[in-house]
Structure formats: C-alpha cells, structure tokens
N, C-alpha and C. Protein backbone atom coordinates (compact mmCIF):
# COMPACT_ATOMS: atom_id res chain seq x y z
N MET A 1 97.67 128.22 177.32
CA MET A 1 98.60 129.22 177.03
C MET A 1 97.87 130.14 175.99
N ALA A 2 97.01 129.70 175.14
CA ALA A 2 96.33 130.46 174.18
C ALA A 2 95.42 131.51 174.94
N VAL A 3 94.83 131.21 176.02
CA VAL A 3 94.04 132.14 176.84
C VAL A 3 94.91 133.20 177.38
N LEU A 4 95.97 132.87 177.79
CA LEU A 4 96.80 133.89 178.38
C LEU A 4 97.46 134.67 177.25
N SER A 5 97.66 134.26 176.11
CA SER A 5 98.11 135.06 174.94
C SER A 5 97.00 136.17 174.58
N ARG A 6 95.73 135.74 174.58
CA ARG A 6 94.75 136.42 174.21
C ARG A 6 94.71 137.65 175.34
N ALA A 7 94.65 137.25 176.58
CA ALA A 7 94.57 138.25 177.54
C ALA A 7 95.60 139.31 177.31
N VAL A 8 96.77 138.75 176.86
CA VAL A 8 97.96 139.69 176.74
C VAL A 8 97.42 140.80 175.54
N ARG A 9 97.22 140.33 174.64
CA ARG A 9 96.62 141.24 173.50
C ARG A 9 95.59 142.09 174.00
N THR A 10 94.55 141.64 174.65
CA THR A 10 93.48 142.29 174.96
C THR A 10 93.76 143.28 176.06
N THR A 11 94.70 143.13 176.93
CA THR A 11 95.11 143.99 178.01
C THR A 11 95.61 145.30 177.30
N ALA A 12 96.76 144.98 176.40
CA ALA A 12 97.28 145.99 175.63
C ALA A 12 96.28 146.98 174.80
N MET A 13 95.39 146.37 174.36
CA MET A 13 94.57 146.96 173.41
C MET A 13 93.69 147.86 174.39
N TYR A 14 93.04 147.43 175.47
CA TYR A 14 92.26 148.31 176.18
C TYR A 14 93.03 149.34 176.99
N ARG A 15 94.40 149.19 177.34
CA ARG A 15 95.20 150.19 177.90
C ARG A 15 95.41 151.25 176.76
N ALA A 16 95.56 150.98 175.60
CA ALA A 16 95.70 151.81 174.40
C ALA A 16 94.51 152.72 174.16
N LYS A 17 93.34 152.04 174.33
CA LYS A 17 91.80 152.79 174.12
C LYS A 17 91.63 153.63 175.32
N THR A 18 92.06 153.29 176.39
CA THR A 18 91.95 154.04 177.61
C THR A 18 92.67 155.44 177.50
N ASP A 19 93.97 155.23 177.03
CA ASP A 19 94.88 156.48 176.88
C ASP A 19 94.63 157.31 175.71
N GLY A 20 93.65 156.95 174.88
CA GLY A 20 93.33 157.79 173.70
C GLY A 20 93.37 157.00 172.33
N LYS A 21 92.53 157.60 171.52
CA LYS A 21 92.56 156.93 170.13
C LYS A 21 93.93 157.17 169.33
N THR A 22 94.10 156.07 168.42
CA THR A 22 95.06 156.11 167.70
C THR A 22 96.61 155.89 168.29
N ARG A 23 96.49 155.19 169.50
CA ARG A 23 97.66 154.90 170.29
C ARG A 23 98.16 153.47 170.09
N THR A 24 99.26 153.36 170.18
CA THR A 24 100.10 151.99 170.20
C THR A 24 100.45 151.65 171.71
N GLU A 25 100.22 150.57 172.26
CA GLU A 25 100.64 150.20 173.61
C GLU A 25 101.28 148.94 173.66
N PHE A 26 102.44 148.68 174.21
CA PHE A 26 103.27 147.42 174.28
C PHE A 26 102.97 146.92 175.52
N PHE A 27 102.81 145.67 175.57
CA PHE A 27 102.56 144.92 176.83
C PHE A 27 103.75 144.88 177.55
N ASN A 28 103.68 145.21 178.84
CA ASN A 28 104.63 145.38 179.53
C ASN A 28 104.67 144.59 181.07
N ASP A 29 105.72 144.47 181.75
CA ASP A 29 105.74 143.64 182.98
C ASP A 29 104.58 144.01 183.75
N GLY A 30 104.33 145.21 184.07
CA GLY A 30 103.26 145.51 185.01
C GLY A 30 101.88 144.89 184.51
N MET A 31 101.68 144.89 183.14
CA MET A 31 100.39 144.41 182.61
C MET A 31 100.37 142.95 182.75
N ARG A 32 101.65 142.34 182.56
CA ARG A 32 101.76 140.84 182.82
C ARG A 32 101.31 140.48 184.17
N GLU A 33 101.93 141.26 185.17
CA GLU A 33 101.63 140.97 186.48
C GLU A 33 100.12 140.94 186.81
N ARG A 34 99.51 141.92 186.35
CA ARG A 34 98.06 142.16 186.61
C ARG A 34 97.18 140.98 185.93
N VAL A 35 97.70 140.71 184.52
CA VAL A 35 96.90 139.53 184.10
C VAL A 35 97.13 138.23 184.86
N VAL A 36 98.40 137.84 185.18
CA VAL A 36 98.70 136.52 185.98
C VAL A 36 98.00 136.85 187.22
N SER A 37 97.93 137.77 187.80
CA SER A 37 97.31 137.91 189.14
C SER A 37 95.80 137.44 189.07
N ARG A 38 95.08 138.26 187.83
CA ARG A 38 93.84 138.11 187.72
C ARG A 38 93.48 136.51 187.36
N PHE A 39 94.18 135.76 186.51
CA PHE A 39 94.16 134.48 186.37
C PHE A 39 94.35 133.64 187.56
N GLU A 40 95.22 133.77 188.42
CA GLU A 40 95.43 133.18 189.92
C GLU A 40 94.15 133.28 190.65
N THR A 41 93.77 134.51 190.62
CA THR A 41 92.63 134.69 191.48
C THR A 41 91.34 134.04 190.91
N GLU A 42 91.03 134.05 189.67
CA GLU A 42 90.06 133.29 189.19
C GLU A 42 90.23 131.93 189.25
N SER A 43 91.22 131.28 189.07
CA SER A 43 91.57 129.91 189.48
C SER A 43 91.14 129.63 190.91
N ASP A 44 91.71 130.43 191.93
CA ASP A 44 91.52 130.20 193.28
C ASP A 44 89.97 130.45 193.60
N LEU A 45 89.37 131.19 192.89
CA LEU A 45 87.86 131.42 193.20
C LEU A 45 87.08 130.28 192.94
N ARG A 46 87.40 129.62 191.66
CA ARG A 46 86.75 128.56 191.29
C ARG A 46 86.96 127.48 192.35
N GLU A 47 88.25 127.26 192.78
CA GLU A 47 88.40 126.28 193.83
C GLU A 47 87.55 126.59 195.22
N ALA A 48 87.61 127.93 195.51
CA ALA A 48 86.75 128.36 196.63
C ALA A 48 85.39 127.95 196.50
N ILE A 49 84.84 128.15 195.45
CA ILE A 49 83.33 127.71 195.19
C ILE A 49 83.18 126.17 195.40
N ASN A 50 84.15 125.46 194.76
CA ASN A 50 83.98 124.02 195.03
C ASN A 50 84.21 123.54 196.40
N GLU A 51 85.03 124.48 197.20
CA GLU A 51 85.38 123.97 198.58
C GLU A 51 84.49 124.75 199.43
N ASN A 52 83.47 125.34 199.20
CA ASN A 52 82.45 126.10 200.03
C ASN A 52 83.18 127.05 201.07
N GLN A 53 84.16 127.86 200.37
CA GLN A 53 84.93 128.92 200.99
C GLN A 53 84.31 130.21 201.00
N LEU A 54 83.24 130.30 200.34
CA LEU A 54 82.54 131.60 200.23
C LEU A 54 81.53 131.82 201.35
N VAL A 55 81.54 132.77 202.05
CA VAL A 55 80.59 132.92 203.13
C VAL A 55 79.72 134.02 203.00
N VAL A 56 78.40 133.83 203.42
CA VAL A 56 77.58 135.15 203.27
C VAL A 56 77.14 135.60 204.58
N TYR A 57 77.24 136.95 204.77
CA TYR A 57 76.92 137.61 206.10
C TYR A 57 75.73 138.44 205.74
N TYR A 58 74.74 138.45 206.61
CA TYR A 58 73.48 139.32 206.40
C TYR A 58 73.52 140.62 207.37
N GLN A 59 73.45 141.76 206.78
CA GLN A 59 73.70 143.10 207.49
C GLN A 59 72.15 143.74 207.45
N PRO A 60 71.81 143.93 208.55
CA PRO A 60 70.40 144.76 208.59
C PRO A 60 70.51 146.07 207.95
N ILE A 61 69.51 146.53 207.16
CA ILE A 61 69.27 147.88 206.89
C ILE A 61 68.36 148.53 207.72
N VAL A 62 68.65 149.41 208.51
CA VAL A 62 67.87 149.98 209.46
C VAL A 62 67.44 151.38 208.95
N SER A 63 66.18 151.66 209.21
CA SER A 63 65.72 153.21 209.08
C SER A 63 66.15 153.98 210.11
N LEU A 64 66.80 155.26 209.52
CA LEU A 64 67.38 156.05 210.34
C LEU A 64 66.10 157.00 211.06
N LYS A 65 64.97 157.04 210.42
CA LYS A 65 63.83 157.74 210.82
C LYS A 65 63.27 157.05 212.00
N ASP A 66 63.02 155.72 212.06
CA ASP A 66 62.47 155.11 213.03
C ASP A 66 63.14 153.97 213.86
N GLY A 67 64.28 153.59 213.17
CA GLY A 67 65.27 152.51 213.92
C GLY A 67 64.79 151.30 213.64
N HIS A 68 63.63 151.02 212.87
CA HIS A 68 63.28 149.59 212.37
C HIS A 68 64.05 149.09 211.37
N ILE A 69 64.11 147.55 211.41
CA ILE A 69 65.00 146.95 210.52
C ILE A 69 63.85 146.98 209.18
N ARG A 70 64.45 147.43 208.12
CA ARG A 70 63.65 147.59 206.82
C ARG A 70 64.12 146.44 205.81
N GLY A 71 65.09 145.70 205.84
CA GLY A 71 65.64 144.56 205.02
C GLY A 71 66.98 144.26 205.30
N PHE A 72 67.49 143.48 204.49
CA PHE A 72 68.97 142.92 204.83
C PHE A 72 69.95 143.10 203.44
N GLU A 73 70.91 143.32 203.76
CA GLU A 73 72.09 143.27 202.75
C GLU A 73 72.99 142.00 202.76
N ALA A 74 73.08 141.24 201.70
CA ALA A 74 74.00 140.10 201.74
C ALA A 74 75.38 140.51 201.38
N LEU A 75 76.21 140.17 202.25
CA LEU A 75 77.66 140.51 202.20
C LEU A 75 78.57 139.26 201.91
N ALA A 76 79.21 139.26 200.64
CA ALA A 76 79.83 137.91 200.43
C ALA A 76 81.37 138.27 200.97
N ARG A 77 81.87 137.15 201.66
CA ARG A 77 83.35 136.98 202.05
C ARG A 77 83.94 135.74 201.75
N TRP A 78 85.21 135.85 201.47
CA TRP A 78 85.70 134.53 201.15
C TRP A 78 86.73 134.09 202.22
N SER A 79 86.35 132.99 202.78
CA SER A 79 87.18 132.37 203.90
C SER A 79 88.44 131.71 203.34
N HIS A 80 89.38 132.42 202.91
CA HIS A 80 90.75 131.89 202.35
C HIS A 80 91.52 131.29 203.18
N PRO A 81 91.91 129.91 202.83
CA PRO A 81 92.51 129.03 203.80
C PRO A 81 94.06 129.62 204.04
N ASP A 82 94.62 130.58 203.31
CA ASP A 82 96.00 131.13 203.57
C ASP A 82 95.84 132.75 204.11
N ARG A 83 94.93 133.50 203.51
CA ARG A 83 95.00 134.82 203.78
C ARG A 83 93.65 135.21 204.78
N GLY A 84 93.01 134.22 205.15
CA GLY A 84 91.86 134.51 206.15
C GLY A 84 90.84 135.09 205.34
N LEU A 85 90.00 135.83 206.02
CA LEU A 85 88.65 136.53 205.32
C LEU A 85 89.01 137.47 204.44
N ASP A 86 88.71 137.37 203.21
CA ASP A 86 88.98 138.53 202.21
C ASP A 86 87.58 139.26 201.84
N LEU A 87 87.65 140.52 201.72
CA LEU A 87 86.55 141.27 201.26
C LEU A 87 86.30 141.23 199.93
N PRO A 88 85.20 141.55 199.34
CA PRO A 88 85.07 141.53 197.95
C PRO A 88 85.90 142.20 196.86
N GLY A 89 86.33 143.34 197.66
CA GLY A 89 87.22 144.11 196.71
C GLY A 89 88.54 143.46 196.56
N GLU A 90 89.00 142.42 197.18
CA GLU A 90 90.03 141.76 196.98
C GLU A 90 90.00 140.56 195.86
N PHE A 91 88.76 140.30 195.72
CA PHE A 91 88.65 139.05 194.73
C PHE A 91 87.63 139.37 193.62
N ILE A 92 87.02 140.51 193.63
CA ILE A 92 86.02 140.96 192.47
C ILE A 92 86.88 142.10 191.60
N SER A 93 86.97 141.82 190.49
CA SER A 93 87.77 142.76 189.53
C SER A 93 86.85 143.93 189.33
N HIS A 94 87.41 145.09 189.37
CA HIS A 94 86.82 146.46 189.10
C HIS A 94 87.36 146.88 187.75
N ARG A 95 88.17 146.35 187.14
CA ARG A 95 88.88 146.76 185.64
C ARG A 95 89.63 147.89 186.03
C-alpha cells in the first residue's frame, strides 16, 4: 500500500509540473485508474517474464536501393493468455 500511496503523490506532482509551475493538482479518479492500470500491467508483465510469454519476432531491414537484407529488427510481443498477442505499445509505458 505504501508503494501505491507514493505513486498517488508522484502522479499528482508530475501532473502539476506538466501543467505549469506553482500549480496545485489533486489526485482524481482518472489518475487513480491510470496508476492502478500501470501497477496491474507491471505485475502481469513480471508474470509474463516468469511464464515465458514474451516472444521475439525478427523483421528484416531491407535496403531500398538494392533490395538486399542489411540487418534485422527485433520486435517484442506479449503472448497474453487472455488478450492474445499484445503489441509493445500496450505494455510499455510512454508516460
């Protein structure tokens, strides 16, 4: 519970800083939902790592000039047991 309490304070503080200096921001339900969602995702992701649910796909990097493969890009996907294949944008926070 102490971690959640710290997240509550931090979330409100960053929101106030984002909106401008010398502002006061009260923690609201929308902020709470985002914090809880972030904690749930983090917990699920820890389980995903332990359960080998993360999958790497390799995508070739092809030269437009000559059509030859110049390298590969590693793409992470989460094979979630309930939601199916999740893209990184669904489980990596962008603040």
